[in-house]
Amino acid sequence: MTVFIFLVAIVAANLSVAYFGPVSTPFNAFFLIGLDLTLRDKLHESWHGRNLPLKMAGLVCAGAVITYALNRNSGMIGVASVVAFSAALLVDWLIYQGMWGKPRWKKMFGSNVGSSLVDSVLFPTIAFGVIMPEIITLQFLAKVFGGGLWIWVLTRRWRCADGM
């Protein structure tokens, strides 16, 4: 289910950017990308040591392919998504692994901040072909705060599901 929600969120974010343009990116960053960043960390835990980089790269590429299949005019959005999410994935993984042994919420928040910065710079710059400082800043803040909200919501849910 986590993989399905991850893909739905990334495709919805990509399609809304293709339709509405840069103005939609801060909203997507808060609601959809913040969710994806948090789910990605959950997948880190689930897939730890089991071809994690390949599986995550496959998910990121699948999101771009689905986006393109649903809207052929979204090609550059898909490319930007793959590049930005892949780079952010690497940063996320390094920070998350570096914080191994810390509480889940701290690992998630720390890795979300680092990967949010990378994704916020790369995605709009590649997607729209220009550096947009306001959009980059708004996206970064939205991802950090949106990710924080999703961490709070989902870790409570996961804790209840684990019987803690």
C-alpha atoms as a PDB file:
ATOM      1  CA  MET A   1       0.000   0.000   0.000  1.00  0.00           C
ATOM      2  CA  THR A   2       2.896   2.372   0.768  1.00  0.00           C
ATOM      3  CA  VAL A   3       4.286   1.940  -2.749  1.00  0.00           C
ATOM      4  CA  PHE A   4       0.870   2.611  -4.297  1.00  0.00           C
ATOM      5  CA  ILE A   5       0.332   5.801  -2.267  1.00  0.00           C
ATOM      6  CA  PHE A   6       3.886   6.936  -3.062  1.00  0.00           C
ATOM      7  CA  LEU A   7       3.241   6.550  -6.812  1.00  0.00           C
ATOM      8  CA  VAL A   8      -0.184   8.202  -6.702  1.00  0.00           C
ATOM      9  CA  ALA A   9       1.264  11.206  -4.866  1.00  0.00           C
ATOM     10  CA  ILE A  10       4.214  11.667  -7.230  1.00  0.00           C
ATOM     11  CA  VAL A  11       2.063  11.292 -10.354  1.00  0.00           C
ATOM     12  CA  ALA A  12      -0.581  13.685  -8.986  1.00  0.00           C
ATOM     13  CA  ALA A  13       2.133  16.239  -8.177  1.00  0.00           C
ATOM     14  CA  ASN A  14       3.696  15.908 -11.636  1.00  0.00           C
ATOM     15  CA  LEU A  15       0.368  16.203 -13.447  1.00  0.00           C
ATOM     16  CA  SER A  16      -0.729  19.237 -11.466  1.00  0.00           C
ATOM     17  CA  VAL A  17       2.578  20.975 -12.260  1.00  0.00           C
ATOM     18  CA  ALA A  18       2.107  20.110 -15.938  1.00  0.00           C
ATOM     19  CA  TYR A  19      -1.395  21.604 -15.824  1.00  0.00           C
ATOM     20  CA  PHE A  20      -1.030  24.593 -13.465  1.00  0.00           C
ATOM     21  CA  GLY A  21       2.679  25.405 -13.819  1.00  0.00           C
ATOM     22  CA  PRO A  22       5.087  26.723 -11.173  1.00  0.00           C
ATOM     23  CA  VAL A  23       2.347  28.255  -9.032  1.00  0.00           C
ATOM     24  CA  SER A  24       1.201  24.763  -7.998  1.00  0.00           C
ATOM     25  CA  THR A  25       4.594  23.597  -6.774  1.00  0.00           C
ATOM     26  CA  PRO A  26       4.426  24.937  -3.189  1.00  0.00           C
ATOM     27  CA  PHE A  27       1.014  23.298  -2.662  1.00  0.00           C
ATOM     28  CA  ASN A  28       2.257  20.033  -4.131  1.00  0.00           C
ATOM     29  CA  ALA A  29       5.384  20.292  -2.021  1.00  0.00           C
ATOM     30  CA  PHE A  30       3.381  20.564   1.197  1.00  0.00           C
ATOM     31  CA  PHE A  31       0.726  17.933   0.586  1.00  0.00           C
ATOM     32  CA  LEU A  32       2.114  15.453  -1.936  1.00  0.00           C
ATOM     33  CA  ILE A  33       5.903  15.656  -1.880  1.00  0.00           C
ATOM     34  CA  GLY A  34       5.988  15.969   1.910  1.00  0.00           C
ATOM     35  CA  LEU A  35       3.994  12.723   1.953  1.00  0.00           C
ATOM     36  CA  ASP A  36       6.368  11.059  -0.523  1.00  0.00           C
ATOM     37  CA  LEU A  37       9.445  12.070   1.460  1.00  0.00           C
ATOM     38  CA  THR A  38       7.964  10.509   4.582  1.00  0.00           C
ATOM     39  CA  LEU A  39       6.819   7.354   2.784  1.00  0.00           C
ATOM     40  CA  ARG A  40      10.260   7.021   1.229  1.00  0.00           C
ATOM     41  CA  ASP A  41      11.747   6.789   4.711  1.00  0.00           C
ATOM     42  CA  LYS A  42       9.214   4.130   5.654  1.00  0.00           C
ATOM     43  CA  LEU A  43      10.295   2.186   2.573  1.00  0.00           C
ATOM     44  CA  HIS A  44      13.932   2.600   3.691  1.00  0.00           C
ATOM     45  CA  GLU A  45      13.013   0.705   6.836  1.00  0.00           C
ATOM     46  CA  SER A  46      10.965  -1.930   5.030  1.00  0.00           C
ATOM     47  CA  TRP A  47      13.529  -2.560   2.281  1.00  0.00           C
ATOM     48  CA  HIS A  48      16.704  -2.060   4.331  1.00  0.00           C
ATOM     49  CA  GLY A  49      19.427  -4.174   2.737  1.00  0.00           C
ATOM     50  CA  ARG A  50      17.150  -5.538   0.010  1.00  0.00           C
ATOM     51  CA  ASN A  51      18.161  -3.689  -3.174  1.00  0.00           C
ATOM     52  CA  LEU A  52      16.942  -0.407  -1.688  1.00  0.00           C
ATOM     53  CA  PRO A  53      18.581   1.914  -4.264  1.00  0.00           C
ATOM     54  CA  LEU A  54      17.265  -0.093  -7.230  1.00  0.00           C
ATOM     55  CA  LYS A  55      13.766  -0.333  -5.813  1.00  0.00           C
ATOM     56  CA  MET A  56      13.613   3.387  -5.034  1.00  0.00           C
ATOM     57  CA  ALA A  57      15.007   4.302  -8.457  1.00  0.00           C
ATOM     58  CA  GLY A  58      12.378   2.043 -10.011  1.00  0.00           C
ATOM     59  CA  LEU A  59       9.617   3.853  -8.132  1.00  0.00           C
ATOM     60  CA  VAL A  60      10.890   7.267  -9.178  1.00  0.00           C
ATOM     61  CA  CYS A  61      11.132   6.189 -12.835  1.00  0.00           C
ATOM     62  CA  ALA A  62       7.719   4.516 -12.682  1.00  0.00           C
ATOM     63  CA  GLY A  63       6.221   7.799 -11.471  1.00  0.00           C
ATOM     64  CA  ALA A  64       7.690   9.642 -14.454  1.00  0.00           C
ATOM     65  CA  VAL A  65       6.555   6.975 -16.932  1.00  0.00           C
ATOM     66  CA  ILE A  66       3.003   6.984 -15.532  1.00  0.00           C
ATOM     67  CA  THR A  67       2.961  10.795 -15.633  1.00  0.00           C
ATOM     68  CA  TYR A  68       4.037  10.781 -19.280  1.00  0.00           C
ATOM     69  CA  ALA A  69       1.537   8.050 -20.180  1.00  0.00           C
ATOM     70  CA  LEU A  70      -1.288  10.116 -18.700  1.00  0.00           C
ATOM     71  CA  ASN A  71      -0.153  13.416 -20.234  1.00  0.00           C
ATOM     72  CA  ARG A  72       2.259  13.390 -23.159  1.00  0.00           C
ATOM     73  CA  ASN A  73       2.841  17.139 -22.720  1.00  0.00           C
ATOM     74  CA  SER A  74       4.434  16.525 -19.318  1.00  0.00           C
ATOM     75  CA  GLY A  75       7.714  15.101 -20.621  1.00  0.00           C
ATOM     76  CA  MET A  76       9.992  17.746 -19.101  1.00  0.00           C
ATOM     77  CA  ILE A  77       8.105  17.526 -15.800  1.00  0.00           C
ATOM     78  CA  GLY A  78       8.813  13.783 -15.760  1.00  0.00           C
ATOM     79  CA  VAL A  79      12.498  14.343 -16.520  1.00  0.00           C
ATOM     80  CA  ALA A  80      12.740  16.970 -13.783  1.00  0.00           C
ATOM     81  CA  SER A  81      10.966  14.641 -11.381  1.00  0.00           C
ATOM     82  CA  VAL A  82      13.350  11.746 -12.052  1.00  0.00           C
ATOM     83  CA  VAL A  83      16.494  13.868 -11.756  1.00  0.00           C
ATOM     84  CA  ALA A  84      15.364  15.814  -8.676  1.00  0.00           C
ATOM     85  CA  PHE A  85      13.889  12.811  -6.862  1.00  0.00           C
ATOM     86  CA  SER A  86      16.929  10.669  -7.648  1.00  0.00           C
ATOM     87  CA  ALA A  87      19.356  13.258  -6.302  1.00  0.00           C
ATOM     88  CA  ALA A  88      17.124  13.880  -3.294  1.00  0.00           C
ATOM     89  CA  LEU A  89      16.854  10.134  -2.762  1.00  0.00           C
ATOM     90  CA  LEU A  90      20.617   9.846  -2.466  1.00  0.00           C
ATOM     91  CA  VAL A  91      20.802  12.713   0.034  1.00  0.00           C
ATOM     92  CA  ASP A  92      17.825  11.302   1.954  1.00  0.00           C
ATOM     93  CA  TRP A  93      19.401   7.855   2.118  1.00  0.00           C
ATOM     94  CA  LEU A  94      22.781   9.196   3.302  1.00  0.00           C
ATOM     95  CA  ILE A  95      21.240  11.303   6.058  1.00  0.00           C
ATOM     96  CA  TYR A  96      18.743   8.619   7.113  1.00  0.00           C
ATOM     97  CA  GLN A  97      21.436   5.931   7.303  1.00  0.00           C
ATOM     98  CA  GLY A  98      23.747   8.327   9.124  1.00  0.00           C
ATOM     99  CA  MET A  99      21.105   8.756  11.806  1.00  0.00           C
ATOM    100  CA  TRP A 100      20.546   5.010  12.297  1.00  0.00           C
ATOM    101  CA  GLY A 101      19.695   4.292  15.943  1.00  0.00           C
ATOM    102  CA  LYS A 102      17.949   7.645  16.439  1.00  0.00           C
ATOM    103  CA  PRO A 103      14.174   7.824  16.914  1.00  0.00           C
ATOM    104  CA  ARG A 104      12.226   7.326  13.676  1.00  0.00           C
ATOM    105  CA  TRP A 105      10.788  10.837  13.618  1.00  0.00           C
ATOM    106  CA  LYS A 106      14.254  12.426  13.970  1.00  0.00           C
ATOM    107  CA  LYS A 107      15.671  10.340  11.112  1.00  0.00           C
ATOM    108  CA  MET A 108      12.690  11.180   8.933  1.00  0.00           C
ATOM    109  CA  PHE A 109      12.774  14.882   9.676  1.00  0.00           C
ATOM    110  CA  GLY A 110      16.540  15.172   9.239  1.00  0.00           C
ATOM    111  CA  SER A 111      16.541  13.301   5.944  1.00  0.00           C
ATOM    112  CA  ASN A 112      13.483  15.248   4.732  1.00  0.00           C
ATOM    113  CA  VAL A 113      15.223  18.586   5.305  1.00  0.00           C
ATOM    114  CA  GLY A 114      18.282  17.558   3.300  1.00  0.00           C
ATOM    115  CA  SER A 115      16.380  15.942   0.461  1.00  0.00           C
ATOM    116  CA  SER A 116      13.862  18.818   0.373  1.00  0.00           C
ATOM    117  CA  LEU A 117      16.648  21.284  -0.304  1.00  0.00           C
ATOM    118  CA  VAL A 118      18.052  19.242  -3.193  1.00  0.00           C
ATOM    119  CA  ASP A 119      14.639  18.529  -4.712  1.00  0.00           C
ATOM    120  CA  SER A 120      13.475  22.140  -4.334  1.00  0.00           C
ATOM    121  CA  VAL A 121      16.441  23.488  -6.266  1.00  0.00           C
ATOM    122  CA  LEU A 122      16.565  20.863  -9.015  1.00  0.00           C
ATOM    123  CA  PHE A 123      12.895  20.239  -9.847  1.00  0.00           C
ATOM    124  CA  PRO A 124      11.704  23.741 -10.822  1.00  0.00           C
ATOM    125  CA  THR A 125      15.030  24.644 -12.419  1.00  0.00           C
ATOM    126  CA  ILE A 126      14.910  21.601 -14.726  1.00  0.00           C
ATOM    127  CA  ALA A 127      11.139  21.598 -15.270  1.00  0.00           C
ATOM    128  CA  PHE A 128      10.899  25.265 -16.230  1.00  0.00           C
ATOM    129  CA  GLY A 129      14.446  25.936 -17.448  1.00  0.00           C
ATOM    130  CA  VAL A 130      15.074  28.899 -15.174  1.00  0.00           C
ATOM    131  CA  ILE A 131      16.110  29.482 -11.569  1.00  0.00           C
ATOM    132  CA  MET A 132      13.129  30.792  -9.600  1.00  0.00           C
ATOM    133  CA  PRO A 133      14.321  31.745  -6.093  1.00  0.00           C
ATOM    134  CA  GLU A 134      10.804  32.414  -4.774  1.00  0.00           C
ATOM    135  CA  ILE A 135       9.476  29.047  -5.967  1.00  0.00           C
ATOM    136  CA  ILE A 136      12.572  27.236  -4.669  1.00  0.00           C
ATOM    137  CA  THR A 137      12.197  28.860  -1.241  1.00  0.00           C
ATOM    138  CA  LEU A 138       8.442  28.231  -1.052  1.00  0.00           C
ATOM    139  CA  GLN A 139       8.890  24.618  -2.148  1.00  0.00           C
ATOM    140  CA  PHE A 140      11.624  24.009   0.408  1.00  0.00           C
ATOM    141  CA  LEU A 141       9.594  25.447   3.277  1.00  0.00           C
ATOM    142  CA  ALA A 142       6.455  23.629   2.167  1.00  0.00           C
ATOM    143  CA  LYS A 143       8.295  20.293   1.947  1.00  0.00           C
ATOM    144  CA  VAL A 144       9.860  20.716   5.377  1.00  0.00           C
ATOM    145  CA  PHE A 145       6.593  21.697   7.063  1.00  0.00           C
ATOM    146  CA  GLY A 146       4.461  19.305   5.004  1.00  0.00           C
ATOM    147  CA  GLY A 147       6.917  16.498   5.668  1.00  0.00           C
ATOM    148  CA  GLY A 148       6.824  17.370   9.367  1.00  0.00           C
ATOM    149  CA  LEU A 149       3.046  17.135   9.371  1.00  0.00           C
ATOM    150  CA  TRP A 150       3.098  13.788   7.539  1.00  0.00           C
ATOM    151  CA  ILE A 151       5.770  12.473   9.923  1.00  0.00           C
ATOM    152  CA  TRP A 152       3.566  13.370  12.880  1.00  0.00           C
ATOM    153  CA  VAL A 153       0.445  11.808  11.325  1.00  0.00           C
ATOM    154  CA  LEU A 154       2.044   8.675   9.931  1.00  0.00           C
ATOM    155  CA  THR A 155       4.377   7.804  12.801  1.00  0.00           C
ATOM    156  CA  ARG A 156       1.381   7.929  15.148  1.00  0.00           C
ATOM    157  CA  ARG A 157      -0.482   5.606  12.795  1.00  0.00           C
ATOM    158  CA  TRP A 158       2.492   3.247  12.420  1.00  0.00           C
ATOM    159  CA  ARG A 159       3.016   3.213  16.186  1.00  0.00           C
ATOM    160  CA  CYS A 160      -0.630   2.190  16.702  1.00  0.00           C
ATOM    161  CA  ALA A 161      -0.329  -0.461  13.977  1.00  0.00           C
ATOM    162  CA  ASP A 162       2.815  -1.830  15.659  1.00  0.00           C
ATOM    163  CA  GLY A 163       0.947  -2.042  18.969  1.00  0.00           C
ATOM    164  CA  MET A 164       3.142   0.546  20.688  1.00  0.00           C
END
